[in-house]
Protein backbone atom coordinates (compact mmCIF):
# COMPACT_ATOMS: atom_id res chain seq x y z
CA ASP A 1 -16.71 29.36 10.79
CA ARG A 2 -14.30 28.83 7.82
CA LEU A 3 -11.24 29.66 9.41
CA LEU A 4 -12.06 27.72 12.30
CA ASP A 5 -12.47 24.35 9.72
CA MET A 6 -9.19 24.73 8.74
CA THR A 7 -7.50 24.98 11.29
CA ARG A 8 -9.98 21.81 13.33
CA THR A 9 -8.41 20.15 9.39
CA ALA A 10 -4.52 20.94 10.27
CA VAL A 11 -4.84 20.14 14.09
CA ASN A 12 -6.27 16.37 13.50
CA ILE A 13 -3.95 15.60 9.97
CA THR A 14 -0.77 16.71 12.63
CA GLY A 15 -2.19 14.36 15.28
CA ASP A 16 -3.14 11.41 13.23
CA ALA A 17 0.34 11.53 11.41
CA THR A 18 1.64 12.23 14.98
CA VAL A 19 1.01 9.27 16.81
CA THR A 20 0.83 6.80 14.01
CA THR A 21 4.36 7.44 13.83
CA ILE A 22 4.87 7.37 17.96
CA VAL A 23 2.56 3.96 17.94
CA ALA A 24 4.72 2.65 14.46
CA ARG A 25 8.03 3.09 16.76
CA SER A 26 6.59 1.63 20.02
CA GLU A 27 5.33 -1.31 17.62
CA GLY A 28 9.20 -1.38 16.15
CA GLN A 29 7.38 -0.76 12.56
CA LEU A 30 9.34 2.65 11.75
CA ASP A 31 12.28 2.72 10.08
CA LEU A 32 14.48 5.40 11.58
CA ASP A 33 16.46 5.53 7.99
CA VAL A 34 14.13 6.06 5.59
CA PHE A 35 12.17 8.39 8.41
CA ASN A 36 14.88 10.34 8.44
CA ASP A 37 16.45 10.35 4.56
CA PRO A 38 15.28 14.09 2.95
CA GLU A 39 15.18 12.19 -0.16
CA ALA A 40 12.91 9.97 1.00
CA GLY A 41 9.54 9.30 -1.00
CA THR A 42 11.07 11.47 -4.14
CA LEU A 43 11.42 9.38 -7.95
CA TYR A 44 14.85 10.08 -8.35
CA SER A 45 17.23 10.84 -6.23
CA ALA A 46 19.91 13.60 -6.62
CA SER A 47 23.43 11.21 -7.21
CA SER A 48 21.14 9.10 -9.49
CA SER A 49 21.95 9.19 -13.30
CA SER A 50 19.29 10.83 -15.16
CA PRO A 51 16.87 7.95 -17.28
């Protein structure tokens, strides 16, 4: 039962993230430059100088 619960949770999270992305894109709220940026959401980018 624990394995099934973890699987259900993974499927639920994946589905929620997918639908959120689809709706945001259809509403024009998805910034594709940020979405496709592998460094988006990081505190410092590799090209920035150290603080």
